[in-house]
Amino acid sequence: MLGLVILLLVLLFGGGGGTTDPGGIGLRQADAGGTHIPEGQQGTGYTSVPPTSGQHWNSATSPGPWGVYTTAQPQERMLHNLEHGGIVIWYQPAQIGAEDLATLTQYVQQQITTERFKVILVPWSGTDFGHPVAVTAWNWLLYLDTADLDKVRTFSDAHYGDSPEPFGGPAKPGT
């Protein structure tokens, strides 16, 4: 029993933010706040790569629509989606295989038709985070080396809607 308690504590609080998490719930990241900045301004002070909280745009085009993006989006835009309870799956185009990208694309396309539609798949163009995939929620990060949908679902189940403004954001696609 003590071993289980220790394991849970390590998964929730330890292990050094930014390492992989075999359990799938990710690792809590330091909160970088939620300050709104003008669209086009570059945010600063992020505590993880990709960021899971911090300065983000607050305009008519931010947050972005839920779904699959084929071109990189500014982290300041996608952070606004996290603030509204979404899950953003970032992938590094040079590191992900075609099959894994197809798996994640199909997952997100299916997910946005459900009541848990606040999901985005988007290529990452910032600093290399050392893995092909990063799954993010407000203050939570999970790095993956493959498109492990069991871990993506576990992460989403643990963190979907857990954010400062979970009821805001863009409407469900197609409504």
N, C-alpha and C. Protein backbone atom coordinates (compact mmCIF):
# COMPACT_ATOMS: atom_id res chain seq x y z
N MET A 1 0.83 -1.20 0.00
CA MET A 1 0.00 0.00 0.00
C MET A 1 0.87 1.26 0.00
N LEU A 2 1.91 1.25 0.82
CA LEU A 2 2.80 2.40 0.87
C LEU A 2 3.45 2.64 -0.49
N GLY A 3 3.81 1.56 -1.18
CA GLY A 3 4.41 1.68 -2.51
C GLY A 3 3.46 2.36 -3.49
N LEU A 4 2.17 2.05 -3.42
CA LEU A 4 1.18 2.67 -4.29
C LEU A 4 1.07 4.16 -4.01
N VAL A 5 1.06 4.53 -2.73
CA VAL A 5 0.99 5.94 -2.35
C VAL A 5 2.21 6.69 -2.87
N ILE A 6 3.38 6.10 -2.73
CA ILE A 6 4.61 6.74 -3.22
C ILE A 6 4.55 6.90 -4.73
N LEU A 7 4.11 5.86 -5.44
CA LEU A 7 3.99 5.94 -6.90
C LEU A 7 3.04 7.06 -7.31
N LEU A 8 1.91 7.17 -6.67
CA LEU A 8 0.95 8.23 -6.99
C LEU A 8 1.55 9.61 -6.74
N LEU A 9 2.27 9.76 -5.64
CA LEU A 9 2.90 11.05 -5.35
C LEU A 9 3.95 11.41 -6.39
N VAL A 10 4.73 10.43 -6.81
CA VAL A 10 5.74 10.68 -7.84
C VAL A 10 5.07 11.08 -9.15
N LEU A 11 4.00 10.39 -9.53
CA LEU A 11 3.30 10.71 -10.77
C LEU A 11 2.67 12.10 -10.72
N LEU A 12 2.14 12.48 -9.57
CA LEU A 12 1.47 13.77 -9.46
C LEU A 12 2.43 14.93 -9.29
N PHE A 13 3.50 14.74 -8.52
CA PHE A 13 4.33 15.89 -8.17
C PHE A 13 5.80 15.77 -8.55
N GLY A 14 6.24 14.60 -8.86
CA GLY A 14 7.69 14.42 -9.00
C GLY A 14 8.12 14.12 -10.40
N GLY A 15 9.36 13.70 -10.47
CA GLY A 15 9.90 13.25 -11.73
C GLY A 15 10.47 14.34 -12.59
N GLY A 16 10.44 15.59 -12.14
CA GLY A 16 11.02 16.66 -12.94
C GLY A 16 10.14 17.00 -14.12
N GLY A 17 9.45 18.12 -14.07
CA GLY A 17 8.55 18.51 -15.14
C GLY A 17 9.19 18.37 -16.51
N GLY A 18 8.48 17.72 -17.40
CA GLY A 18 8.97 17.60 -18.75
C GLY A 18 9.49 16.23 -19.10
N THR A 19 9.48 15.27 -18.18
CA THR A 19 9.86 13.92 -18.54
C THR A 19 8.62 13.17 -19.00
N THR A 20 8.83 12.00 -19.59
CA THR A 20 7.67 11.21 -19.99
C THR A 20 6.99 10.65 -18.76
N ASP A 21 5.75 10.29 -18.90
CA ASP A 21 4.95 9.76 -17.79
C ASP A 21 4.31 8.46 -18.23
N PRO A 22 4.80 7.32 -17.75
CA PRO A 22 4.25 6.05 -18.19
C PRO A 22 2.79 5.84 -17.84
N GLY A 23 2.27 6.57 -16.84
CA GLY A 23 0.87 6.41 -16.45
C GLY A 23 -0.11 7.12 -17.35
N GLY A 24 0.32 8.13 -18.07
CA GLY A 24 -0.55 8.81 -19.02
C GLY A 24 -1.26 10.04 -18.52
N ILE A 25 -1.16 10.37 -17.22
CA ILE A 25 -1.84 11.58 -16.77
C ILE A 25 -0.99 12.82 -16.96
N GLY A 26 0.26 12.64 -17.31
CA GLY A 26 1.15 13.77 -17.52
C GLY A 26 1.75 14.25 -16.22
N LEU A 27 2.50 15.31 -16.33
CA LEU A 27 3.13 15.92 -15.17
C LEU A 27 2.66 17.36 -15.03
N ARG A 28 2.32 17.71 -13.79
CA ARG A 28 1.88 19.08 -13.51
C ARG A 28 3.06 20.02 -13.75
N GLN A 29 2.77 21.12 -14.42
CA GLN A 29 3.78 22.13 -14.70
C GLN A 29 3.52 23.36 -13.83
N ALA A 30 4.55 24.12 -13.57
CA ALA A 30 4.40 25.35 -12.80
C ALA A 30 3.45 26.29 -13.54
N ASP A 31 2.55 26.91 -12.80
CA ASP A 31 1.57 27.83 -13.39
C ASP A 31 2.27 29.13 -13.77
N ALA A 32 2.19 29.49 -15.04
CA ALA A 32 2.79 30.73 -15.53
C ALA A 32 1.75 31.85 -15.65
N GLY A 33 0.60 31.66 -15.02
CA GLY A 33 -0.45 32.67 -15.06
C GLY A 33 -1.30 32.57 -16.31
N GLY A 34 -2.15 33.56 -16.49
CA GLY A 34 -3.06 33.56 -17.63
C GLY A 34 -3.29 34.95 -18.19
N THR A 35 -2.27 35.78 -18.19
CA THR A 35 -2.39 37.15 -18.64
C THR A 35 -2.74 37.21 -20.13
N HIS A 36 -3.72 38.05 -20.45
CA HIS A 36 -4.07 38.29 -21.85
C HIS A 36 -3.13 39.35 -22.41
N ILE A 37 -2.66 39.10 -23.63
CA ILE A 37 -1.80 40.06 -24.33
C ILE A 37 -2.40 40.32 -25.70
N PRO A 38 -2.05 41.45 -26.33
CA PRO A 38 -2.61 41.76 -27.65
C PRO A 38 -2.21 40.73 -28.69
N GLU A 39 -3.12 40.47 -29.63
CA GLU A 39 -2.81 39.54 -30.71
C GLU A 39 -1.58 40.01 -31.46
N GLY A 40 -0.69 39.07 -31.75
CA GLY A 40 0.55 39.38 -32.44
C GLY A 40 1.73 39.58 -31.52
N GLN A 41 1.45 39.89 -30.24
CA GLN A 41 2.55 40.06 -29.28
C GLN A 41 3.05 38.70 -28.85
N GLN A 42 4.36 38.57 -28.70
CA GLN A 42 4.96 37.31 -28.27
C GLN A 42 4.92 37.22 -26.75
N GLY A 43 4.46 36.09 -26.25
CA GLY A 43 4.41 35.87 -24.81
C GLY A 43 5.78 35.52 -24.25
N THR A 44 5.92 35.71 -22.94
CA THR A 44 7.17 35.38 -22.24
C THR A 44 6.85 34.71 -20.92
N GLY A 45 7.87 34.13 -20.31
CA GLY A 45 7.74 33.59 -18.96
C GLY A 45 7.12 32.22 -18.88
N TYR A 46 7.12 31.46 -19.98
CA TYR A 46 6.53 30.13 -19.97
C TYR A 46 7.39 29.17 -19.14
N THR A 47 6.76 28.18 -18.55
CA THR A 47 7.46 27.26 -17.65
C THR A 47 7.65 25.87 -18.25
N SER A 48 7.20 25.67 -19.49
CA SER A 48 7.37 24.37 -20.14
C SER A 48 7.41 24.57 -21.65
N VAL A 49 7.84 23.54 -22.35
CA VAL A 49 7.86 23.54 -23.82
C VAL A 49 7.16 22.28 -24.28
N PRO A 50 6.03 22.41 -24.99
CA PRO A 50 5.25 23.62 -25.23
C PRO A 50 4.66 24.16 -23.92
N PRO A 51 4.24 25.42 -23.93
CA PRO A 51 3.68 25.98 -22.70
C PRO A 51 2.32 25.39 -22.37
N THR A 52 2.04 25.35 -21.07
CA THR A 52 0.75 24.83 -20.60
C THR A 52 -0.05 25.90 -19.85
N SER A 53 0.50 27.07 -19.72
CA SER A 53 -0.18 28.23 -19.15
C SER A 53 0.69 29.43 -19.46
N GLY A 54 0.17 30.61 -19.19
CA GLY A 54 0.97 31.81 -19.41
C GLY A 54 0.29 32.81 -20.32
N GLN A 55 1.06 33.79 -20.74
CA GLN A 55 0.55 34.87 -21.57
C GLN A 55 -0.03 34.32 -22.87
N HIS A 56 -1.23 34.81 -23.21
CA HIS A 56 -1.88 34.35 -24.44
C HIS A 56 -2.77 35.45 -25.00
N TRP A 57 -3.07 35.30 -26.30
CA TRP A 57 -3.86 36.30 -26.99
C TRP A 57 -5.32 36.27 -26.54
N ASN A 58 -5.94 37.43 -26.61
CA ASN A 58 -7.36 37.56 -26.30
C ASN A 58 -7.98 38.45 -27.37
N SER A 59 -8.43 37.81 -28.45
CA SER A 59 -9.01 38.57 -29.56
C SER A 59 -10.10 37.75 -30.23
N ALA A 60 -10.65 38.30 -31.28
CA ALA A 60 -11.73 37.64 -32.01
C ALA A 60 -11.27 36.34 -32.68
N THR A 61 -9.99 36.24 -33.02
CA THR A 61 -9.49 35.03 -33.67
C THR A 61 -8.75 34.11 -32.70
N SER A 62 -8.83 34.42 -31.45
CA SER A 62 -8.18 33.58 -30.45
C SER A 62 -9.17 33.41 -29.31
N PRO A 63 -9.45 32.22 -28.89
CA PRO A 63 -8.83 30.96 -29.25
C PRO A 63 -9.22 30.49 -30.65
N GLY A 64 -8.45 29.53 -31.15
CA GLY A 64 -8.71 28.99 -32.48
C GLY A 64 -9.77 27.92 -32.48
N PRO A 65 -10.35 27.62 -33.64
CA PRO A 65 -11.34 26.55 -33.74
C PRO A 65 -10.74 25.21 -33.32
N TRP A 66 -11.56 24.36 -32.77
CA TRP A 66 -11.15 23.01 -32.39
C TRP A 66 -10.96 22.17 -33.64
N GLY A 67 -10.02 21.23 -33.62
CA GLY A 67 -9.84 20.35 -34.76
C GLY A 67 -8.38 20.18 -35.14
N VAL A 68 -8.16 19.83 -36.39
CA VAL A 68 -6.83 19.51 -36.90
C VAL A 68 -6.28 20.69 -37.70
N TYR A 69 -5.07 21.11 -37.35
CA TYR A 69 -4.35 22.15 -38.08
C TYR A 69 -3.20 21.49 -38.83
N THR A 70 -2.96 21.94 -40.05
CA THR A 70 -1.84 21.39 -40.83
C THR A 70 -0.67 22.36 -40.89
N THR A 71 -0.86 23.57 -40.37
CA THR A 71 0.23 24.53 -40.28
C THR A 71 0.39 24.95 -38.81
N ALA A 72 1.62 25.27 -38.45
CA ALA A 72 1.91 25.68 -37.08
C ALA A 72 1.08 26.90 -36.70
N GLN A 73 0.69 26.95 -35.44
CA GLN A 73 -0.07 28.07 -34.90
C GLN A 73 0.72 28.69 -33.76
N PRO A 74 0.57 29.98 -33.52
CA PRO A 74 1.27 30.60 -32.41
C PRO A 74 0.84 29.99 -31.07
N GLN A 75 1.82 29.73 -30.23
CA GLN A 75 1.50 29.16 -28.92
C GLN A 75 0.58 30.09 -28.13
N GLU A 76 0.69 31.39 -28.36
CA GLU A 76 -0.16 32.34 -27.65
C GLU A 76 -1.63 32.16 -28.02
N ARG A 77 -1.89 31.70 -29.22
CA ARG A 77 -3.27 31.43 -29.66
C ARG A 77 -3.77 30.13 -29.04
N MET A 78 -2.97 29.08 -29.11
CA MET A 78 -3.38 27.77 -28.61
C MET A 78 -3.51 27.75 -27.08
N LEU A 79 -2.73 28.58 -26.39
CA LEU A 79 -2.87 28.66 -24.93
C LEU A 79 -4.26 29.15 -24.54
N HIS A 80 -4.84 30.00 -25.36
CA HIS A 80 -6.20 30.46 -25.06
C HIS A 80 -7.17 29.29 -25.12
N ASN A 81 -6.94 28.33 -26.03
CA ASN A 81 -7.77 27.13 -26.06
C ASN A 81 -7.61 26.31 -24.79
N LEU A 82 -6.37 26.22 -24.29
CA LEU A 82 -6.16 25.50 -23.02
C LEU A 82 -6.90 26.19 -21.89
N GLU A 83 -6.88 27.52 -21.88
CA GLU A 83 -7.57 28.28 -20.83
C GLU A 83 -9.07 27.95 -20.81
N HIS A 84 -9.60 27.56 -21.97
CA HIS A 84 -11.02 27.23 -22.07
C HIS A 84 -11.29 25.74 -21.96
N GLY A 85 -10.36 25.02 -21.35
CA GLY A 85 -10.61 23.62 -21.03
C GLY A 85 -10.23 22.61 -22.08
N GLY A 86 -9.55 23.06 -23.14
CA GLY A 86 -9.21 22.15 -24.22
C GLY A 86 -7.93 21.37 -23.99
N ILE A 87 -7.73 20.42 -24.89
CA ILE A 87 -6.52 19.62 -24.97
C ILE A 87 -5.86 19.96 -26.30
N VAL A 88 -4.59 20.34 -26.26
CA VAL A 88 -3.85 20.61 -27.50
C VAL A 88 -2.75 19.57 -27.63
N ILE A 89 -2.79 18.85 -28.74
CA ILE A 89 -1.77 17.85 -29.05
C ILE A 89 -0.83 18.47 -30.07
N TRP A 90 0.40 18.72 -29.65
CA TRP A 90 1.43 19.28 -30.51
C TRP A 90 2.26 18.14 -31.07
N TYR A 91 2.67 18.25 -32.34
CA TYR A 91 3.60 17.26 -32.88
C TYR A 91 4.71 17.98 -33.62
N GLN A 92 5.89 17.35 -33.58
CA GLN A 92 7.04 17.90 -34.29
C GLN A 92 7.13 17.19 -35.65
N PRO A 93 6.84 17.92 -36.73
CA PRO A 93 6.75 17.29 -38.05
C PRO A 93 7.97 16.46 -38.46
N ALA A 94 9.17 16.88 -38.09
CA ALA A 94 10.37 16.14 -38.48
C ALA A 94 10.60 14.89 -37.65
N GLN A 95 9.83 14.74 -36.56
CA GLN A 95 10.05 13.61 -35.66
C GLN A 95 8.92 12.59 -35.64
N ILE A 96 7.79 12.91 -36.21
CA ILE A 96 6.65 12.00 -36.14
C ILE A 96 6.52 11.22 -37.45
N GLY A 97 6.19 9.95 -37.34
CA GLY A 97 5.97 9.13 -38.52
C GLY A 97 4.59 9.37 -39.11
N ALA A 98 4.45 9.06 -40.39
CA ALA A 98 3.18 9.26 -41.09
C ALA A 98 2.04 8.49 -40.44
N GLU A 99 2.31 7.26 -39.99
CA GLU A 99 1.26 6.44 -39.37
C GLU A 99 0.80 7.06 -38.04
N ASP A 100 1.75 7.53 -37.24
CA ASP A 100 1.38 8.16 -35.97
C ASP A 100 0.59 9.45 -36.21
N LEU A 101 1.00 10.24 -37.20
CA LEU A 101 0.26 11.46 -37.51
C LEU A 101 -1.16 11.13 -37.98
N ALA A 102 -1.31 10.11 -38.79
CA ALA A 102 -2.64 9.70 -39.25
C ALA A 102 -3.49 9.23 -38.08
N THR A 103 -2.90 8.52 -37.15
CA THR A 103 -3.62 8.04 -35.96
C THR A 103 -4.14 9.21 -35.14
N LEU A 104 -3.28 10.20 -34.90
CA LEU A 104 -3.69 11.37 -34.11
C LEU A 104 -4.73 12.21 -34.86
N THR A 105 -4.55 12.35 -36.16
CA THR A 105 -5.51 13.11 -36.97
C THR A 105 -6.89 12.47 -36.89
N GLN A 106 -6.95 11.16 -37.07
CA GLN A 106 -8.23 10.45 -37.00
C GLN A 106 -8.85 10.58 -35.61
N TYR A 107 -8.04 10.48 -34.58
CA TYR A 107 -8.54 10.62 -33.20
C TYR A 107 -9.19 11.99 -33.01
N VAL A 108 -8.49 13.05 -33.40
CA VAL A 108 -9.02 14.40 -33.19
C VAL A 108 -10.26 14.63 -34.06
N GLN A 109 -10.24 14.17 -35.30
CA GLN A 109 -11.41 14.33 -36.17
C GLN A 109 -12.63 13.65 -35.57
N GLN A 110 -12.45 12.51 -34.95
CA GLN A 110 -13.56 11.80 -34.31
C GLN A 110 -13.96 12.53 -33.03
N GLN A 111 -12.98 12.97 -32.26
CA GLN A 111 -13.25 13.58 -30.96
C GLN A 111 -14.08 14.85 -31.09
N ILE A 112 -13.83 15.66 -32.12
CA ILE A 112 -14.56 16.92 -32.24
C ILE A 112 -16.02 16.74 -32.63
N THR A 113 -16.45 15.51 -32.88
CA THR A 113 -17.86 15.23 -33.16
C THR A 113 -18.61 14.81 -31.90
N THR A 114 -17.90 14.71 -30.77
CA THR A 114 -18.50 14.25 -29.51
C THR A 114 -18.75 15.44 -28.59
N GLU A 115 -19.25 15.16 -27.42
CA GLU A 115 -19.46 16.21 -26.43
C GLU A 115 -18.16 16.65 -25.77
N ARG A 116 -17.08 15.91 -26.02
CA ARG A 116 -15.75 16.31 -25.54
C ARG A 116 -14.93 16.74 -26.75
N PHE A 117 -15.42 17.82 -27.39
CA PHE A 117 -14.91 18.28 -28.68
C PHE A 117 -13.73 19.24 -28.58
N LYS A 118 -13.38 19.67 -27.40
CA LYS A 118 -12.33 20.69 -27.23
C LYS A 118 -10.94 20.06 -27.36
N VAL A 119 -10.59 19.69 -28.58
CA VAL A 119 -9.31 19.04 -28.85
C VAL A 119 -8.72 19.62 -30.13
N ILE A 120 -7.41 19.83 -30.11
CA ILE A 120 -6.68 20.36 -31.27
C ILE A 120 -5.46 19.50 -31.50
N LEU A 121 -5.15 19.26 -32.78
CA LEU A 121 -3.89 18.67 -33.21
C LEU A 121 -3.20 19.72 -34.06
N VAL A 122 -1.95 20.05 -33.73
CA VAL A 122 -1.26 21.13 -34.42
C VAL A 122 0.25 20.89 -34.46
N PRO A 123 0.88 21.20 -35.60
CA PRO A 123 2.34 21.07 -35.65
C PRO A 123 3.02 22.14 -34.79
N TRP A 124 4.13 21.75 -34.20
CA TRP A 124 4.92 22.64 -33.35
C TRP A 124 6.10 23.16 -34.15
N SER A 125 6.39 24.46 -34.04
CA SER A 125 7.51 25.05 -34.77
C SER A 125 8.51 25.73 -33.84
N GLY A 126 8.32 25.55 -32.54
CA GLY A 126 9.22 26.19 -31.58
C GLY A 126 10.42 25.32 -31.24
N THR A 127 10.98 25.56 -30.07
CA THR A 127 12.14 24.83 -29.58
C THR A 127 11.82 23.34 -29.47
N ASP A 128 12.74 22.52 -29.94
CA ASP A 128 12.59 21.06 -29.89
C ASP A 128 12.34 20.62 -28.45
N PHE A 129 11.26 19.88 -28.22
CA PHE A 129 10.98 19.39 -26.87
C PHE A 129 11.40 17.94 -26.68
N GLY A 130 12.12 17.37 -27.64
CA GLY A 130 12.76 16.08 -27.44
C GLY A 130 11.91 14.84 -27.65
N HIS A 131 10.69 15.01 -28.11
CA HIS A 131 9.77 13.90 -28.37
C HIS A 131 8.93 14.26 -29.59
N PRO A 132 8.39 13.28 -30.28
CA PRO A 132 7.54 13.60 -31.43
C PRO A 132 6.23 14.30 -31.06
N VAL A 133 5.68 14.01 -29.86
CA VAL A 133 4.35 14.48 -29.49
C VAL A 133 4.36 15.04 -28.07
N ALA A 134 3.61 16.12 -27.87
CA ALA A 134 3.36 16.67 -26.54
C ALA A 134 1.86 16.92 -26.42
N VAL A 135 1.25 16.34 -25.41
CA VAL A 135 -0.17 16.53 -25.15
C VAL A 135 -0.27 17.50 -23.97
N THR A 136 -1.05 18.59 -24.17
CA THR A 136 -1.11 19.62 -23.15
C THR A 136 -2.54 19.94 -22.73
N ALA A 137 -2.65 20.30 -21.47
CA ALA A 137 -3.87 20.87 -20.88
C ALA A 137 -3.36 21.99 -19.97
N TRP A 138 -4.27 22.75 -19.38
CA TRP A 138 -3.85 23.86 -18.52
C TRP A 138 -3.01 23.31 -17.36
N ASN A 139 -1.73 23.66 -17.34
CA ASN A 139 -0.75 23.27 -16.32
C ASN A 139 -0.38 21.79 -16.34
N TRP A 140 -0.67 21.07 -17.41
CA TRP A 140 -0.34 19.65 -17.51
C TRP A 140 0.32 19.36 -18.86
N LEU A 141 1.31 18.45 -18.83
CA LEU A 141 2.08 18.11 -20.02
C LEU A 141 2.41 16.63 -20.03
N LEU A 142 2.23 16.02 -21.19
CA LEU A 142 2.60 14.62 -21.39
C LEU A 142 3.36 14.51 -22.70
N TYR A 143 4.62 14.08 -22.62
CA TYR A 143 5.40 13.83 -23.82
C TYR A 143 5.19 12.38 -24.24
N LEU A 144 5.09 12.16 -25.56
CA LEU A 144 4.94 10.81 -26.10
C LEU A 144 5.92 10.60 -27.25
N ASP A 145 6.41 9.38 -27.35
CA ASP A 145 7.30 9.02 -28.46
C ASP A 145 6.55 8.36 -29.60
N THR A 146 5.30 7.99 -29.36
CA THR A 146 4.43 7.42 -30.39
C THR A 146 3.02 7.96 -30.16
N ALA A 147 2.14 7.70 -31.11
CA ALA A 147 0.74 8.12 -30.99
C ALA A 147 -0.02 7.09 -30.15
N ASP A 148 0.27 7.07 -28.87
CA ASP A 148 -0.34 6.12 -27.94
C ASP A 148 -1.70 6.66 -27.50
N LEU A 149 -2.77 6.22 -28.19
CA LEU A 149 -4.10 6.76 -27.91
C LEU A 149 -4.61 6.40 -26.53
N ASP A 150 -4.15 5.28 -25.96
CA ASP A 150 -4.55 4.97 -24.58
C ASP A 150 -4.06 6.07 -23.64
N LYS A 151 -2.82 6.51 -23.83
CA LYS A 151 -2.28 7.58 -22.97
C LYS A 151 -2.93 8.92 -23.28
N VAL A 152 -3.21 9.19 -24.55
CA VAL A 152 -3.90 10.44 -24.90
C VAL A 152 -5.27 10.46 -24.24
N ARG A 153 -6.00 9.35 -24.29
CA ARG A 153 -7.32 9.29 -23.65
C ARG A 153 -7.24 9.42 -22.13
N THR A 154 -6.26 8.75 -21.54
CA THR A 154 -6.08 8.85 -20.08
C THR A 154 -5.80 10.29 -19.68
N PHE A 155 -4.91 10.95 -20.42
CA PHE A 155 -4.58 12.35 -20.16
C PHE A 155 -5.83 13.22 -20.31
N SER A 156 -6.55 13.04 -21.39
CA SER A 156 -7.75 13.83 -21.64
C SER A 156 -8.80 13.59 -20.56
N ASP A 157 -8.99 12.33 -20.17
CA ASP A 157 -9.95 12.02 -19.10
C ASP A 157 -9.59 12.73 -17.80
N ALA A 158 -8.29 12.84 -17.53
CA ALA A 158 -7.82 13.46 -16.29
C ALA A 158 -7.92 14.98 -16.31
N HIS A 159 -7.80 15.61 -17.50
CA HIS A 159 -7.62 17.07 -17.53
C HIS A 159 -8.60 17.85 -18.40
N TYR A 160 -9.43 17.17 -19.19
CA TYR A 160 -10.37 17.88 -20.05
C TYR A 160 -11.27 18.78 -19.21
N GLY A 161 -11.33 20.05 -19.57
CA GLY A 161 -12.20 20.99 -18.88
C GLY A 161 -11.65 21.53 -17.57
N ASP A 162 -10.50 21.05 -17.13
CA ASP A 162 -9.90 21.50 -15.88
C ASP A 162 -9.02 22.71 -16.18
N SER A 163 -9.62 23.88 -16.11
CA SER A 163 -8.94 25.10 -16.52
C SER A 163 -9.60 26.31 -15.87
N PRO A 164 -8.99 27.49 -16.02
CA PRO A 164 -9.59 28.69 -15.41
C PRO A 164 -10.95 29.08 -15.98
N GLU A 165 -11.19 28.82 -17.27
CA GLU A 165 -12.45 29.23 -17.91
C GLU A 165 -13.00 28.08 -18.76
N PRO A 166 -13.43 26.99 -18.13
CA PRO A 166 -13.80 25.79 -18.89
C PRO A 166 -15.05 25.92 -19.76
N PHE A 167 -15.88 26.90 -19.52
CA PHE A 167 -17.14 26.99 -20.26
C PHE A 167 -17.07 27.93 -21.45
N GLY A 168 -15.93 28.55 -21.68
CA GLY A 168 -15.78 29.47 -22.80
C GLY A 168 -15.17 28.77 -24.00
N GLY A 169 -14.77 29.58 -24.94
CA GLY A 169 -14.08 29.05 -26.11
C GLY A 169 -15.01 28.86 -27.28
N PRO A 170 -14.42 28.46 -28.41
CA PRO A 170 -15.20 28.25 -29.62
C PRO A 170 -16.25 27.14 -29.44
N ALA A 171 -17.29 27.24 -30.23
CA ALA A 171 -18.36 26.24 -30.20
C ALA A 171 -17.87 24.92 -30.81
N LYS A 172 -18.65 23.90 -30.57
CA LYS A 172 -18.38 22.60 -31.18
C LYS A 172 -18.38 22.76 -32.70
N PRO A 173 -17.40 22.19 -33.38
CA PRO A 173 -17.37 22.30 -34.84
C PRO A 173 -18.68 21.78 -35.47
N GLY A 174 -19.16 22.51 -36.47
CA GLY A 174 -20.36 22.09 -37.17
C GLY A 174 -21.66 22.54 -36.51
N THR A 175 -21.56 23.31 -35.40
CA THR A 175 -22.81 23.77 -34.76
C THR A 175 -23.00 25.25 -34.95
